[in-house]
């Protein structure tokens, strides 16, 4: 039988017991991919993953906008009723409304990552060349995607 005030498991309690979480010291942080290394690498990993996510979102909504525009044109060619055209126009507007926020966030993250890469270029290259090169490629791909937007 279960009683919330009893901390020990009862004899007839067959539920699995949770394993206790290891306690961290007050100055100890949870381990990450680059645990114990330079915090700039951890920062680089976070910026890279955030920018990758924003770039994926932008590509997705660009494709979605193109598809909805094509669908609207097809509906107009086929001569669908006015109600269907209004609904499709609303869908297109909602899709287009997503892009400015993503572009704004993406520009901020590109600037932030580029500043980090430029300020500590030599040290970051020595610490993790592969990660540094990935970030450089991501910045250039993001800039190209942002230029395509204009």
N, C-alpha and C. Protein backbone atom coordinates (compact mmCIF):
# COMPACT_ATOMS: atom_id res chain seq x y z
N UNK A 1 0.83 -1.16 0.00
CA UNK A 1 0.00 0.00 0.00
C UNK A 1 0.89 1.25 0.00
N UNK A 2 0.45 2.28 -0.70
CA UNK A 2 1.24 3.50 -0.84
C UNK A 2 0.74 4.58 0.10
N UNK A 3 1.66 5.18 0.78
CA UNK A 3 1.34 6.32 1.63
C UNK A 3 2.43 7.38 1.39
N UNK A 4 2.06 8.61 1.04
CA UNK A 4 3.07 9.61 0.68
C UNK A 4 4.00 9.98 1.83
N UNK A 5 3.58 9.75 3.08
CA UNK A 5 4.41 10.14 4.21
C UNK A 5 5.45 9.08 4.56
N UNK A 6 5.31 7.90 4.03
CA UNK A 6 6.24 6.81 4.34
C UNK A 6 7.33 6.80 3.27
N UNK A 7 8.58 6.94 3.69
CA UNK A 7 9.67 7.02 2.73
C UNK A 7 10.24 5.66 2.36
N UNK A 8 10.15 4.68 3.24
CA UNK A 8 10.66 3.36 2.93
C UNK A 8 9.61 2.59 2.14
N UNK A 9 10.04 1.75 1.19
CA UNK A 9 9.07 0.94 0.46
C UNK A 9 8.44 -0.10 1.39
N UNK A 10 7.16 -0.31 1.24
CA UNK A 10 6.45 -1.29 2.05
C UNK A 10 6.67 -2.69 1.46
N UNK A 11 6.36 -3.69 2.22
CA UNK A 11 6.58 -5.07 1.81
C UNK A 11 5.75 -5.43 0.57
N UNK A 12 4.54 -4.90 0.45
CA UNK A 12 3.70 -5.26 -0.68
C UNK A 12 3.76 -4.24 -1.83
N UNK A 13 4.75 -3.34 -1.79
CA UNK A 13 4.92 -2.34 -2.84
C UNK A 13 5.81 -2.91 -3.94
N UNK A 14 5.24 -3.15 -5.12
CA UNK A 14 5.98 -3.77 -6.23
C UNK A 14 6.46 -2.76 -7.27
N UNK A 15 6.26 -1.47 -7.01
CA UNK A 15 6.69 -0.47 -7.98
C UNK A 15 8.21 -0.38 -8.02
N UNK A 16 8.78 -0.09 -9.20
CA UNK A 16 10.24 0.05 -9.27
C UNK A 16 10.68 1.29 -8.50
N UNK A 17 11.80 1.17 -7.84
CA UNK A 17 12.32 2.27 -7.04
C UNK A 17 13.24 3.14 -7.91
N UNK A 18 13.12 4.44 -7.74
CA UNK A 18 13.96 5.38 -8.48
C UNK A 18 15.37 5.34 -7.92
N UNK A 19 16.34 5.42 -8.82
CA UNK A 19 17.74 5.46 -8.38
C UNK A 19 18.05 6.87 -7.90
N UNK A 20 18.76 6.99 -6.82
CA UNK A 20 19.10 8.34 -6.35
C UNK A 20 20.04 9.04 -7.32
N UNK A 21 19.80 10.33 -7.53
CA UNK A 21 20.67 11.11 -8.41
C UNK A 21 21.96 11.42 -7.69
N UNK A 22 23.08 11.38 -8.43
CA UNK A 22 24.34 11.74 -7.78
C UNK A 22 24.32 13.23 -7.43
N UNK A 23 24.76 13.54 -6.23
CA UNK A 23 24.78 14.92 -5.78
C UNK A 23 26.03 15.60 -6.29
N UNK A 24 25.85 16.81 -6.80
CA UNK A 24 26.97 17.59 -7.28
C UNK A 24 27.43 18.52 -6.17
N UNK A 25 28.71 18.75 -6.13
CA UNK A 25 29.23 19.73 -5.18
C UNK A 25 28.75 21.10 -5.63
N UNK A 26 28.81 22.05 -4.74
CA UNK A 26 28.27 23.38 -5.05
C UNK A 26 29.00 24.05 -6.22
N UNK A 27 30.27 23.77 -6.41
CA UNK A 27 31.01 24.41 -7.50
C UNK A 27 31.13 23.50 -8.73
N UNK A 28 30.54 22.33 -8.70
CA UNK A 28 30.66 21.38 -9.79
C UNK A 28 29.45 21.51 -10.72
N UNK A 29 29.71 21.52 -12.05
CA UNK A 29 28.65 21.60 -13.04
C UNK A 29 28.42 20.23 -13.65
N UNK A 30 27.23 20.00 -14.19
CA UNK A 30 27.00 18.72 -14.87
C UNK A 30 27.95 18.57 -16.06
N UNK A 31 28.30 17.34 -16.37
CA UNK A 31 29.24 17.11 -17.45
C UNK A 31 28.56 17.33 -18.79
N UNK A 32 29.32 17.87 -19.73
CA UNK A 32 28.85 18.08 -21.10
C UNK A 32 29.86 17.47 -22.05
N UNK A 33 29.68 17.74 -23.32
CA UNK A 33 30.55 17.19 -24.34
C UNK A 33 32.00 17.61 -24.11
N UNK A 34 32.22 18.86 -23.73
CA UNK A 34 33.57 19.37 -23.54
C UNK A 34 33.84 19.61 -22.05
N UNK A 35 33.48 18.66 -21.22
CA UNK A 35 33.64 18.80 -19.79
C UNK A 35 35.11 18.96 -19.41
N UNK A 36 35.34 19.91 -18.56
CA UNK A 36 36.69 20.10 -18.05
C UNK A 36 37.60 20.86 -18.99
N UNK A 37 37.09 21.27 -20.13
CA UNK A 37 37.92 21.99 -21.07
C UNK A 37 37.57 23.47 -21.03
N UNK A 38 38.05 24.17 -21.99
CA UNK A 38 37.86 25.61 -22.08
C UNK A 38 36.37 25.95 -22.22
N UNK A 39 35.85 26.85 -21.42
CA UNK A 39 34.42 27.21 -21.51
C UNK A 39 34.06 27.85 -22.85
N UNK A 40 35.06 28.38 -23.55
CA UNK A 40 34.77 28.95 -24.87
C UNK A 40 34.35 27.87 -25.85
N UNK A 41 34.85 26.66 -25.67
CA UNK A 41 34.41 25.56 -26.54
C UNK A 41 32.96 25.20 -26.28
N UNK A 42 32.59 25.19 -25.02
CA UNK A 42 31.19 24.92 -24.69
C UNK A 42 30.29 26.00 -25.28
N UNK A 43 30.74 27.23 -25.20
CA UNK A 43 30.00 28.35 -25.75
C UNK A 43 29.89 28.20 -27.27
N UNK A 44 30.94 27.78 -27.90
CA UNK A 44 30.96 27.57 -29.34
C UNK A 44 29.98 26.48 -29.75
N UNK A 45 29.93 25.41 -28.99
CA UNK A 45 29.00 24.31 -29.26
C UNK A 45 27.55 24.80 -29.14
N UNK A 46 27.27 25.60 -28.12
CA UNK A 46 25.91 26.11 -27.93
C UNK A 46 25.53 27.04 -29.06
N UNK A 47 26.40 27.96 -29.42
CA UNK A 47 26.11 28.89 -30.51
C UNK A 47 25.91 28.14 -31.83
N UNK A 48 26.75 27.14 -32.05
CA UNK A 48 26.64 26.38 -33.29
C UNK A 48 25.31 25.64 -33.37
N UNK A 49 24.93 24.99 -32.30
CA UNK A 49 23.67 24.23 -32.34
C UNK A 49 22.47 25.16 -32.47
N UNK A 50 22.52 26.30 -31.83
CA UNK A 50 21.43 27.27 -31.94
C UNK A 50 21.32 27.80 -33.37
N UNK A 51 22.45 28.13 -33.97
CA UNK A 51 22.44 28.65 -35.33
C UNK A 51 22.01 27.58 -36.33
N UNK A 52 22.43 26.33 -36.10
CA UNK A 52 21.98 25.23 -36.97
C UNK A 52 20.46 25.09 -36.91
N UNK A 53 19.91 25.20 -35.71
CA UNK A 53 18.47 25.08 -35.54
C UNK A 53 17.74 26.22 -36.27
N UNK A 54 18.23 27.43 -36.12
CA UNK A 54 17.60 28.57 -36.79
C UNK A 54 17.72 28.46 -38.31
N UNK A 55 18.86 27.98 -38.79
CA UNK A 55 19.04 27.80 -40.23
C UNK A 55 18.07 26.75 -40.76
N UNK A 56 17.90 25.67 -40.02
CA UNK A 56 16.94 24.63 -40.43
C UNK A 56 15.52 25.20 -40.46
N UNK A 57 15.18 26.00 -39.47
CA UNK A 57 13.85 26.62 -39.44
C UNK A 57 13.65 27.54 -40.63
N UNK A 58 14.65 28.33 -40.94
CA UNK A 58 14.53 29.28 -42.05
C UNK A 58 14.36 28.53 -43.37
N UNK A 59 15.15 27.50 -43.58
CA UNK A 59 15.04 26.70 -44.81
C UNK A 59 13.66 26.07 -44.89
N UNK A 60 13.17 25.55 -43.77
CA UNK A 60 11.85 24.93 -43.74
C UNK A 60 10.76 25.92 -44.12
N UNK A 61 10.78 27.10 -43.51
CA UNK A 61 9.72 28.07 -43.79
C UNK A 61 9.86 28.70 -45.18
N UNK A 62 11.08 28.79 -45.71
CA UNK A 62 11.25 29.24 -47.10
C UNK A 62 10.59 28.25 -48.05
N UNK A 63 10.85 26.97 -47.83
CA UNK A 63 10.23 25.93 -48.68
C UNK A 63 8.70 25.94 -48.52
N UNK A 64 8.27 26.07 -47.27
CA UNK A 64 6.84 26.08 -46.99
C UNK A 64 6.16 27.26 -47.70
N UNK A 65 6.80 28.42 -47.66
CA UNK A 65 6.25 29.60 -48.32
C UNK A 65 6.13 29.38 -49.83
N UNK A 66 7.17 28.81 -50.42
CA UNK A 66 7.13 28.53 -51.86
C UNK A 66 6.02 27.56 -52.21
N UNK A 67 5.86 26.51 -51.40
CA UNK A 67 4.80 25.53 -51.65
C UNK A 67 3.42 26.16 -51.54
N UNK A 68 3.23 27.00 -50.53
CA UNK A 68 1.92 27.64 -50.35
C UNK A 68 1.63 28.63 -51.46
N UNK A 69 2.66 29.33 -51.95
CA UNK A 69 2.47 30.24 -53.09
C UNK A 69 2.07 29.45 -54.34
N UNK A 70 2.74 28.33 -54.58
CA UNK A 70 2.40 27.49 -55.73
C UNK A 70 0.98 26.95 -55.60
N UNK A 71 0.61 26.55 -54.41
CA UNK A 71 -0.72 26.02 -54.18
C UNK A 71 -1.78 27.10 -54.44
N UNK A 72 -1.51 28.32 -53.98
CA UNK A 72 -2.44 29.43 -54.20
C UNK A 72 -2.60 29.72 -55.69
N UNK A 73 -1.48 29.73 -56.41
CA UNK A 73 -1.54 29.95 -57.87
C UNK A 73 -2.33 28.84 -58.56
N UNK A 74 -2.12 27.61 -58.12
CA UNK A 74 -2.86 26.49 -58.71
C UNK A 74 -4.36 26.63 -58.44
N UNK A 75 -4.70 27.04 -57.21
CA UNK A 75 -6.11 27.24 -56.88
C UNK A 75 -6.73 28.33 -57.75
N UNK A 76 -5.97 29.40 -58.01
CA UNK A 76 -6.49 30.48 -58.86
C UNK A 76 -6.67 30.00 -60.29
N UNK A 77 -5.71 29.21 -60.80
CA UNK A 77 -5.83 28.68 -62.17
C UNK A 77 -7.04 27.76 -62.30
N UNK A 78 -7.25 26.94 -61.26
CA UNK A 78 -8.36 25.99 -61.31
C UNK A 78 -9.70 26.66 -61.07
N UNK A 79 -9.70 27.91 -60.63
CA UNK A 79 -10.93 28.64 -60.42
C UNK A 79 -11.71 28.18 -59.22
N UNK A 80 -11.02 27.88 -58.13
CA UNK A 80 -11.72 27.47 -56.91
C UNK A 80 -12.55 28.62 -56.36
N UNK A 81 -13.47 28.29 -55.48
CA UNK A 81 -14.36 29.32 -54.93
C UNK A 81 -13.58 30.31 -54.07
N UNK A 82 -14.20 31.44 -53.82
CA UNK A 82 -13.56 32.54 -53.11
C UNK A 82 -13.15 32.15 -51.69
N UNK A 83 -13.95 31.34 -51.04
CA UNK A 83 -13.65 30.90 -49.67
C UNK A 83 -12.35 30.11 -49.60
N UNK A 84 -12.15 29.19 -50.53
CA UNK A 84 -10.92 28.39 -50.54
C UNK A 84 -9.70 29.27 -50.81
N UNK A 85 -9.86 30.25 -51.68
CA UNK A 85 -8.75 31.17 -51.95
C UNK A 85 -8.40 32.01 -50.72
N UNK A 86 -9.41 32.45 -49.99
CA UNK A 86 -9.16 33.23 -48.78
C UNK A 86 -8.44 32.40 -47.72
N UNK A 87 -8.85 31.15 -47.58
CA UNK A 87 -8.20 30.27 -46.61
C UNK A 87 -6.74 30.05 -47.00
N UNK A 88 -6.50 29.82 -48.27
CA UNK A 88 -5.13 29.58 -48.73
C UNK A 88 -4.28 30.84 -48.57
N UNK A 89 -4.85 32.01 -48.81
CA UNK A 89 -4.11 33.26 -48.61
C UNK A 89 -3.76 33.44 -47.13
N UNK A 90 -4.67 33.06 -46.25
CA UNK A 90 -4.39 33.14 -44.81
C UNK A 90 -3.24 32.21 -44.42
N UNK A 91 -3.26 31.01 -44.99
CA UNK A 91 -2.17 30.06 -44.71
C UNK A 91 -0.84 30.63 -45.18
N UNK A 92 -0.84 31.24 -46.37
CA UNK A 92 0.38 31.83 -46.91
C UNK A 92 0.86 32.98 -46.02
N UNK A 93 -0.04 33.81 -45.53
CA UNK A 93 0.34 34.93 -44.66
C UNK A 93 0.93 34.43 -43.34
N UNK A 94 0.36 33.37 -42.80
CA UNK A 94 0.90 32.81 -41.55
C UNK A 94 2.31 32.26 -41.77
N UNK A 95 2.51 31.63 -42.89
CA UNK A 95 3.84 31.10 -43.20
C UNK A 95 4.84 32.23 -43.37
N UNK A 96 4.43 33.27 -44.07
CA UNK A 96 5.32 34.42 -44.27
C UNK A 96 5.59 35.16 -42.97
N UNK A 97 4.64 35.13 -42.06
CA UNK A 97 4.80 35.83 -40.78
C UNK A 97 5.86 35.18 -39.89
N UNK A 98 6.18 33.93 -40.14
CA UNK A 98 7.19 33.24 -39.32
C UNK A 98 8.60 33.70 -39.67
N UNK A 99 8.83 34.08 -40.91
CA UNK A 99 10.19 34.35 -41.37
C UNK A 99 10.86 35.56 -40.72
N UNK A 100 10.21 36.71 -40.55
CA UNK A 100 10.94 37.86 -39.97
C UNK A 100 11.53 37.59 -38.59
N UNK A 101 10.82 36.89 -37.75
CA UNK A 101 11.35 36.57 -36.42
C UNK A 101 12.56 35.66 -36.50
N UNK A 102 12.48 34.67 -37.37
CA UNK A 102 13.60 33.73 -37.54
C UNK A 102 14.81 34.47 -38.10
N UNK A 103 14.59 35.32 -39.09
CA UNK A 103 15.69 36.07 -39.70
C UNK A 103 16.35 36.99 -38.67
N UNK A 104 15.53 37.66 -37.84
CA UNK A 104 16.06 38.54 -36.82
C UNK A 104 16.94 37.76 -35.85
N UNK A 105 16.44 36.65 -35.33
CA UNK A 105 17.22 35.82 -34.40
C UNK A 105 18.48 35.29 -35.07
N UNK A 106 18.33 34.91 -36.32
CA UNK A 106 19.46 34.32 -37.04
C UNK A 106 20.57 35.35 -37.24
N UNK A 107 20.22 36.58 -37.58
CA UNK A 107 21.23 37.64 -37.74
C UNK A 107 21.97 37.87 -36.43
N UNK A 108 21.23 37.90 -35.34
CA UNK A 108 21.87 38.10 -34.02
C UNK A 108 22.83 36.97 -33.70
N UNK A 109 22.42 35.74 -33.95
CA UNK A 109 23.28 34.59 -33.65
C UNK A 109 24.48 34.51 -34.58
N UNK A 110 24.30 34.89 -35.84
CA UNK A 110 25.45 34.92 -36.76
C UNK A 110 26.47 35.94 -36.27
N UNK A 111 26.00 37.13 -35.89
CA UNK A 111 26.92 38.15 -35.38
C UNK A 111 27.63 37.68 -34.11
N UNK A 112 26.87 37.04 -33.22
CA UNK A 112 27.46 36.58 -31.96
C UNK A 112 28.52 35.51 -32.20
N UNK A 113 28.20 34.54 -33.05
CA UNK A 113 29.16 33.48 -33.34
C UNK A 113 30.37 34.03 -34.09
N UNK A 114 30.14 34.95 -35.01
CA UNK A 114 31.26 35.52 -35.77
C UNK A 114 32.18 36.32 -34.85
N UNK A 115 31.61 37.07 -33.92
CA UNK A 115 32.46 37.81 -32.95
C UNK A 115 33.29 36.86 -32.11
N UNK A 116 32.68 35.76 -31.66
CA UNK A 116 33.43 34.79 -30.86
C UNK A 116 34.56 34.17 -31.67
N UNK A 117 34.26 33.84 -32.92
CA UNK A 117 35.28 33.23 -33.76
C UNK A 117 36.41 34.20 -34.07
N UNK A 118 36.10 35.47 -34.24
CA UNK A 118 37.13 36.45 -34.58
C UNK A 118 37.98 36.83 -33.37
N UNK A 119 37.37 36.94 -32.20
CA UNK A 119 38.13 37.39 -31.04
C UNK A 119 39.14 36.34 -30.56
N UNK A 120 38.74 35.09 -30.57
CA UNK A 120 39.62 34.02 -30.05
C UNK A 120 40.01 33.04 -31.16
N UNK A 121 40.26 33.55 -32.33
CA UNK A 121 40.47 32.68 -33.49
C UNK A 121 41.61 31.68 -33.30
N UNK A 122 42.78 32.16 -32.92
CA UNK A 122 43.93 31.27 -32.80
C UNK A 122 43.75 30.24 -31.68
N UNK A 123 43.23 30.68 -30.54
CA UNK A 123 43.06 29.76 -29.42
C UNK A 123 42.01 28.69 -29.74
N UNK A 124 40.91 29.11 -30.35
CA UNK A 124 39.86 28.14 -30.68
C UNK A 124 40.33 27.15 -31.73
N UNK A 125 41.12 27.62 -32.67
CA UNK A 125 41.66 26.71 -33.68
C UNK A 125 42.56 25.65 -33.05
N UNK A 126 43.35 26.08 -32.09
CA UNK A 126 44.25 25.13 -31.43
C UNK A 126 43.47 24.15 -30.55
N UNK A 127 42.41 24.62 -29.93
CA UNK A 127 41.64 23.76 -29.03
C UNK A 127 40.85 22.69 -29.80
N UNK A 128 40.16 23.10 -30.86
CA UNK A 128 39.36 22.15 -31.63
C UNK A 128 39.20 22.67 -33.06
N UNK A 129 40.07 22.24 -33.92
CA UNK A 129 40.08 22.71 -35.31
C UNK A 129 38.81 22.31 -36.05
N UNK A 130 38.36 21.09 -35.82
CA UNK A 130 37.17 20.59 -36.53
C UNK A 130 35.93 21.41 -36.16
N UNK A 131 35.74 21.68 -34.89
CA UNK A 131 34.61 22.48 -34.44
C UNK A 131 34.71 23.90 -34.98
N UNK A 132 35.90 24.46 -34.99
CA UNK A 132 36.11 25.80 -35.51
C UNK A 132 35.73 25.87 -36.98
N UNK A 133 36.17 24.88 -37.77
CA UNK A 133 35.85 24.85 -39.20
C UNK A 133 34.35 24.67 -39.44
N UNK A 134 33.70 23.82 -38.62
CA UNK A 134 32.25 23.66 -38.74
C UNK A 134 31.53 24.97 -38.49
N UNK A 135 31.98 25.71 -37.50
CA UNK A 135 31.35 26.99 -37.18
C UNK A 135 31.57 28.01 -38.30
N UNK A 136 32.76 28.01 -38.87
CA UNK A 136 33.03 28.92 -40.00
C UNK A 136 32.12 28.59 -41.18
N UNK A 137 31.97 27.31 -41.49
CA UNK A 137 31.09 26.91 -42.60
C UNK A 137 29.64 27.27 -42.30
N UNK A 138 29.23 27.10 -41.05
CA UNK A 138 27.87 27.42 -40.66
C UNK A 138 27.60 28.91 -40.78
N UNK A 139 28.56 29.73 -40.39
CA UNK A 139 28.40 31.18 -40.51
C UNK A 139 28.27 31.57 -41.98
N UNK A 140 29.10 31.00 -42.84
CA UNK A 140 29.01 31.36 -44.26
C UNK A 140 27.69 30.86 -44.88
N UNK A 141 27.24 29.67 -44.50
CA UNK A 141 25.96 29.16 -45.01
C UNK A 141 24.80 30.02 -44.52
N UNK A 142 24.87 30.46 -43.28
CA UNK A 142 23.82 31.30 -42.72
C UNK A 142 23.79 32.65 -43.40
N UNK A 143 24.96 33.24 -43.65
CA UNK A 143 25.01 34.53 -44.34
C UNK A 143 24.46 34.40 -45.76
N UNK A 144 24.79 33.30 -46.42
CA UNK A 144 24.28 33.08 -47.76
C UNK A 144 22.76 32.95 -47.73
N UNK A 145 22.22 32.26 -46.75
CA UNK A 145 20.78 32.10 -46.63
C UNK A 145 20.11 33.44 -46.32
N UNK A 146 20.75 34.25 -45.49
CA UNK A 146 20.19 35.57 -45.17
C UNK A 146 20.25 36.49 -46.38
N UNK A 147 21.30 36.41 -47.18
CA UNK A 147 21.40 37.23 -48.39
C UNK A 147 20.35 36.81 -49.41
N UNK A 148 20.05 35.51 -49.43
CA UNK A 148 19.02 35.00 -50.34
C UNK A 148 17.65 35.56 -49.96
N UNK A 149 17.46 35.83 -48.67
CA UNK A 149 16.19 36.38 -48.19
C UNK A 149 15.94 37.76 -48.77
N UNK A 150 17.01 38.57 -48.84
CA UNK A 150 16.85 39.94 -49.33
C UNK A 150 16.60 39.90 -50.79
